[in-house]
Amino acid sequence: MRILNEDILEENGLRMEFARWTNSKNTNYRELADEIHDNQIEKKDEIIPIFVPKQGKEEYIKILRRTNLLVSLLIANQLFVKGMKFDGSYHQEGKYGCPLFKVNDLGVLKWSCSSRYWGEIMSSAGYGYAYDEWAWQSPEEPVTPDIVEEEGLLIE
């Protein structure tokens, strides 16, 4: 895996490129988790039901699942390099709190998470030691994308 700069991560046929910031309610972009969910089916003949890719979607789901695992690294790097810091509430409700990513040639997807997980990303970016420091409120003055970005902002 390589992070080429604050905007690009590549790994074995997967290329994620940070696109811009938007709000989580922007309906012009699909949520990564929804895209994964909608292209799987529940396999009920197992003791514990599991989800498997729909026929013909195996490679697509493999790429999206790997993206979902790695995207937090790229977000943390983006936040660290650009000095952005904001809490999980802004991530979920703020004007520019939700990142958009271009995945290979599959298009641009939106990515959002719980406040707790956002706090973990902030901790990974070097802001604090535990998720709860940034999950619900900012312990410092927030630095949102619109403060540091001259472009790369998108609102619905």
C-alpha atoms as a PDB file:
ATOM      1  CA  MET A   1       0.000   0.000   0.000  1.00  0.00           C
ATOM      2  CA  ARG A   2       1.230   3.460  -0.842  1.00  0.00           C
ATOM      3  CA  ILE A   3      -0.052   6.877   0.034  1.00  0.00           C
ATOM      4  CA  LEU A   4       1.267   8.940  -2.826  1.00  0.00           C
ATOM      5  CA  ASN A   5       0.241  12.273  -1.372  1.00  0.00           C
ATOM      6  CA  GLU A   6      -2.558  13.627   0.811  1.00  0.00           C
ATOM      7  CA  ASP A   7      -5.069  12.878  -1.953  1.00  0.00           C
ATOM      8  CA  ILE A   8      -4.158   9.437  -3.353  1.00  0.00           C
ATOM      9  CA  LEU A   9      -3.777   5.924  -1.982  1.00  0.00           C
ATOM     10  CA  GLU A  10      -2.934   2.954  -4.205  1.00  0.00           C
ATOM     11  CA  GLU A  11      -2.828  -0.748  -3.462  1.00  0.00           C
ATOM     12  CA  ASN A  12      -2.822  -3.781  -5.784  1.00  0.00           C
ATOM     13  CA  GLY A  13      -5.245  -2.512  -8.412  1.00  0.00           C
ATOM     14  CA  LEU A  14      -7.103  -0.165  -6.071  1.00  0.00           C
ATOM     15  CA  ARG A  15      -6.701   3.575  -6.498  1.00  0.00           C
ATOM     16  CA  MET A  16      -8.568   5.900  -4.169  1.00  0.00           C
ATOM     17  CA  GLU A  17      -8.390   9.580  -4.854  1.00  0.00           C
ATOM     18  CA  PHE A  18      -9.793  12.187  -2.519  1.00  0.00           C
ATOM     19  CA  ALA A  19     -12.239  14.277  -4.559  1.00  0.00           C
ATOM     20  CA  ARG A  20     -13.691  16.986  -2.321  1.00  0.00           C
ATOM     21  CA  TRP A  21     -15.822  17.707   0.718  1.00  0.00           C
ATOM     22  CA  THR A  22     -19.603  17.913   0.795  1.00  0.00           C
ATOM     23  CA  ASN A  23     -22.358  17.368   3.339  1.00  0.00           C
ATOM     24  CA  SER A  24     -23.628  13.932   4.291  1.00  0.00           C
ATOM     25  CA  LYS A  25     -27.106  14.660   2.940  1.00  0.00           C
ATOM     26  CA  ASN A  26     -25.893  15.382  -0.605  1.00  0.00           C
ATOM     27  CA  THR A  27     -28.024  13.015  -2.693  1.00  0.00           C
ATOM     28  CA  ASN A  28     -25.943  13.526  -5.839  1.00  0.00           C
ATOM     29  CA  TYR A  29     -23.496  10.907  -4.569  1.00  0.00           C
ATOM     30  CA  ARG A  30     -24.021   7.342  -3.374  1.00  0.00           C
ATOM     31  CA  GLU A  31     -22.832   6.352   0.061  1.00  0.00           C
ATOM     32  CA  LEU A  32     -20.063   3.737  -0.150  1.00  0.00           C
ATOM     33  CA  ALA A  33     -21.788   1.513   2.433  1.00  0.00           C
ATOM     34  CA  ASP A  34     -25.081   1.665   0.501  1.00  0.00           C
ATOM     35  CA  GLU A  35     -23.309   0.759  -2.735  1.00  0.00           C
ATOM     36  CA  ILE A  36     -21.803  -2.295  -1.069  1.00  0.00           C
ATOM     37  CA  HIS A  37     -25.109  -3.304   0.507  1.00  0.00           C
ATOM     38  CA  ASP A  38     -27.149  -2.913  -2.678  1.00  0.00           C
ATOM     39  CA  ASN A  39     -24.787  -5.142  -4.659  1.00  0.00           C
ATOM     40  CA  GLN A  40     -24.885  -8.078  -2.255  1.00  0.00           C
ATOM     41  CA  ILE A  41     -27.433 -10.722  -1.355  1.00  0.00           C
ATOM     42  CA  GLU A  42     -28.006 -12.477   1.915  1.00  0.00           C
ATOM     43  CA  LYS A  43     -27.024 -16.121   1.867  1.00  0.00           C
ATOM     44  CA  LYS A  44     -29.548 -17.616   4.290  1.00  0.00           C
ATOM     45  CA  ASP A  45     -28.567 -21.268   4.021  1.00  0.00           C
ATOM     46  CA  GLU A  46     -25.733 -20.737   6.488  1.00  0.00           C
ATOM     47  CA  ILE A  47     -26.059 -21.122  10.267  1.00  0.00           C
ATOM     48  CA  ILE A  48     -25.334 -17.423  10.524  1.00  0.00           C
ATOM     49  CA  PRO A  49     -26.558 -15.540   7.448  1.00  0.00           C
ATOM     50  CA  ILE A  50     -23.792 -13.861   5.459  1.00  0.00           C
ATOM     51  CA  PHE A  51     -23.773 -11.408   2.591  1.00  0.00           C
ATOM     52  CA  VAL A  52     -22.144 -12.326  -0.697  1.00  0.00           C
ATOM     53  CA  PRO A  53     -21.765 -10.319  -3.908  1.00  0.00           C
ATOM     54  CA  LYS A  54     -24.541 -10.572  -6.458  1.00  0.00           C
ATOM     55  CA  GLN A  55     -23.593 -12.640  -9.479  1.00  0.00           C
ATOM     56  CA  GLY A  56     -21.262 -10.671 -11.725  1.00  0.00           C
ATOM     57  CA  LYS A  57     -20.468  -8.146  -8.967  1.00  0.00           C
ATOM     58  CA  GLU A  58     -17.704 -10.114  -7.226  1.00  0.00           C
ATOM     59  CA  GLU A  59     -14.775  -7.931  -8.327  1.00  0.00           C
ATOM     60  CA  TYR A  60     -16.778  -4.730  -7.822  1.00  0.00           C
ATOM     61  CA  ILE A  61     -17.632  -5.681  -4.236  1.00  0.00           C
ATOM     62  CA  LYS A  62     -14.047  -6.787  -3.570  1.00  0.00           C
ATOM     63  CA  ILE A  63     -12.806  -3.328  -4.592  1.00  0.00           C
ATOM     64  CA  LEU A  64     -15.493  -1.504  -2.600  1.00  0.00           C
ATOM     65  CA  ARG A  65     -14.927  -3.579   0.547  1.00  0.00           C
ATOM     66  CA  ARG A  66     -11.180  -2.917   0.381  1.00  0.00           C
ATOM     67  CA  THR A  67     -11.900   0.781  -0.174  1.00  0.00           C
ATOM     68  CA  ASN A  68     -14.123   0.810   2.899  1.00  0.00           C
ATOM     69  CA  LEU A  69     -11.294  -0.651   4.991  1.00  0.00           C
ATOM     70  CA  LEU A  70      -8.627   1.766   3.746  1.00  0.00           C
ATOM     71  CA  VAL A  71     -10.511   5.026   3.305  1.00  0.00           C
ATOM     72  CA  SER A  72     -10.013   6.075   6.934  1.00  0.00           C
ATOM     73  CA  LEU A  73      -6.226   6.084   6.377  1.00  0.00           C
ATOM     74  CA  LEU A  74      -6.570   8.493   3.484  1.00  0.00           C
ATOM     75  CA  ILE A  75      -8.970  10.717   5.431  1.00  0.00           C
ATOM     76  CA  ALA A  76      -6.648  10.818   8.465  1.00  0.00           C
ATOM     77  CA  ASN A  77      -3.738  11.712   6.196  1.00  0.00           C
ATOM     78  CA  GLN A  78      -5.776  14.451   4.478  1.00  0.00           C
ATOM     79  CA  LEU A  79      -6.775  15.922   7.858  1.00  0.00           C
ATOM     80  CA  PHE A  80      -3.209  15.791   9.200  1.00  0.00           C
ATOM     81  CA  VAL A  81      -1.487  17.268   6.144  1.00  0.00           C
ATOM     82  CA  LYS A  82      -3.993  20.095   5.718  1.00  0.00           C
ATOM     83  CA  GLY A  83      -4.471  20.801   9.439  1.00  0.00           C
ATOM     84  CA  MET A  84      -8.213  20.178   9.413  1.00  0.00           C
ATOM     85  CA  LYS A  85      -9.910  19.089  12.614  1.00  0.00           C
ATOM     86  CA  PHE A  86     -13.582  18.833  13.475  1.00  0.00           C
ATOM     87  CA  ASP A  87     -15.837  16.588  15.495  1.00  0.00           C
ATOM     88  CA  GLY A  88     -18.162  13.773  14.504  1.00  0.00           C
ATOM     89  CA  SER A  89     -21.197  16.020  14.717  1.00  0.00           C
ATOM     90  CA  TYR A  90     -19.760  18.299  12.030  1.00  0.00           C
ATOM     91  CA  HIS A  91     -18.795  15.252   9.970  1.00  0.00           C
ATOM     92  CA  GLN A  92     -22.430  14.120  10.015  1.00  0.00           C
ATOM     93  CA  GLU A  93     -24.232  17.461   9.851  1.00  0.00           C
ATOM     94  CA  GLY A  94     -21.718  20.098   8.722  1.00  0.00           C
ATOM     95  CA  LYS A  95     -21.735  21.861   5.389  1.00  0.00           C
ATOM     96  CA  TYR A  96     -18.392  20.310   4.352  1.00  0.00           C
ATOM     97  CA  GLY A  97     -17.939  17.434   6.800  1.00  0.00           C
ATOM     98  CA  CYS A  98     -18.316  14.459   4.459  1.00  0.00           C
ATOM     99  CA  PRO A  99     -15.528  13.334   2.110  1.00  0.00           C
ATOM    100  CA  LEU A 100     -16.010  12.186  -1.475  1.00  0.00           C
ATOM    101  CA  PHE A 101     -13.655   9.692  -3.128  1.00  0.00           C
ATOM    102  CA  LYS A 102     -13.032   8.569  -6.662  1.00  0.00           C
ATOM    103  CA  VAL A 103     -12.459   4.821  -6.670  1.00  0.00           C
ATOM    104  CA  ASN A 104     -10.606   3.461  -9.718  1.00  0.00           C
ATOM    105  CA  ASP A 105     -12.847   4.214 -12.703  1.00  0.00           C
ATOM    106  CA  LEU A 106     -16.010   3.386 -10.735  1.00  0.00           C
ATOM    107  CA  GLY A 107     -16.929   6.988 -10.043  1.00  0.00           C
ATOM    108  CA  VAL A 108     -17.176   9.189  -6.978  1.00  0.00           C
ATOM    109  CA  LEU A 109     -18.662   7.901  -3.738  1.00  0.00           C
ATOM    110  CA  LYS A 110     -19.540   9.583  -0.464  1.00  0.00           C
ATOM    111  CA  TRP A 111     -18.223   8.185   2.825  1.00  0.00           C
ATOM    112  CA  SER A 112     -19.653   8.828   6.251  1.00  0.00           C
ATOM    113  CA  CYS A 113     -19.456   7.112   9.606  1.00  0.00           C
ATOM    114  CA  SER A 114     -20.611   7.318  13.211  1.00  0.00           C
ATOM    115  CA  SER A 115     -19.413  10.102  15.489  1.00  0.00           C
ATOM    116  CA  ARG A 116     -17.422   7.549  17.468  1.00  0.00           C
ATOM    117  CA  TYR A 117     -15.603   6.299  14.380  1.00  0.00           C
ATOM    118  CA  TRP A 118     -14.946   9.869  13.240  1.00  0.00           C
ATOM    119  CA  GLY A 119     -13.367  10.505  16.641  1.00  0.00           C
ATOM    120  CA  GLU A 120     -11.103   7.516  15.996  1.00  0.00           C
ATOM    121  CA  ILE A 121     -10.082   8.995  12.621  1.00  0.00           C
ATOM    122  CA  MET A 122      -9.264  12.298  14.318  1.00  0.00           C
ATOM    123  CA  SER A 123      -7.128  10.418  16.839  1.00  0.00           C
ATOM    124  CA  SER A 124      -5.369   8.624  13.950  1.00  0.00           C
ATOM    125  CA  ALA A 125      -4.689  12.022  12.388  1.00  0.00           C
ATOM    126  CA  GLY A 126      -2.786  13.014  15.532  1.00  0.00           C
ATOM    127  CA  TYR A 127      -5.493  14.971  17.327  1.00  0.00           C
ATOM    128  CA  GLY A 128      -5.819  13.449  20.777  1.00  0.00           C
ATOM    129  CA  TYR A 129      -5.380   9.959  22.123  1.00  0.00           C
ATOM    130  CA  ALA A 130      -8.889   8.513  22.119  1.00  0.00           C
ATOM    131  CA  TYR A 131     -12.002   8.646  19.959  1.00  0.00           C
ATOM    132  CA  ASP A 132     -14.109  10.361  22.624  1.00  0.00           C
ATOM    133  CA  GLU A 133     -12.014  13.526  22.439  1.00  0.00           C
ATOM    134  CA  TRP A 134     -13.468  14.357  18.979  1.00  0.00           C
ATOM    135  CA  ALA A 135     -16.571  12.180  18.668  1.00  0.00           C
ATOM    136  CA  TRP A 136     -19.245  14.653  19.783  1.00  0.00           C
ATOM    137  CA  GLN A 137     -17.528  17.962  20.373  1.00  0.00           C
ATOM    138  CA  SER A 138     -14.306  19.677  19.388  1.00  0.00           C
ATOM    139  CA  PRO A 139     -11.830  20.094  22.249  1.00  0.00           C
ATOM    140  CA  GLU A 140     -10.110  22.789  20.164  1.00  0.00           C
ATOM    141  CA  GLU A 141     -11.280  25.407  17.718  1.00  0.00           C
ATOM    142  CA  PRO A 142     -12.491  23.427  14.667  1.00  0.00           C
ATOM    143  CA  VAL A 143     -10.689  23.856  11.363  1.00  0.00           C
ATOM    144  CA  THR A 144     -13.205  22.825   8.715  1.00  0.00           C
ATOM    145  CA  PRO A 145     -12.480  22.199   5.020  1.00  0.00           C
ATOM    146  CA  ASP A 146     -13.899  25.569   3.954  1.00  0.00           C
ATOM    147  CA  ILE A 147     -11.298  27.318   6.133  1.00  0.00           C
ATOM    148  CA  VAL A 148      -8.291  25.646   4.468  1.00  0.00           C
ATOM    149  CA  GLU A 149      -9.538  24.725   1.010  1.00  0.00           C
ATOM    150  CA  GLU A 150      -9.837  27.258  -1.784  1.00  0.00           C
ATOM    151  CA  GLU A 151     -11.461  24.692  -3.990  1.00  0.00           C
ATOM    152  CA  GLY A 152     -12.646  21.138  -3.582  1.00  0.00           C
ATOM    153  CA  LEU A 153     -15.800  22.090  -1.747  1.00  0.00           C
ATOM    154  CA  LEU A 154     -19.158  20.931  -2.997  1.00  0.00           C
ATOM    155  CA  ILE A 155     -22.586  21.448  -1.574  1.00  0.00           C
ATOM    156  CA  GLU A 156     -25.818  19.995  -2.857  1.00  0.00           C
END
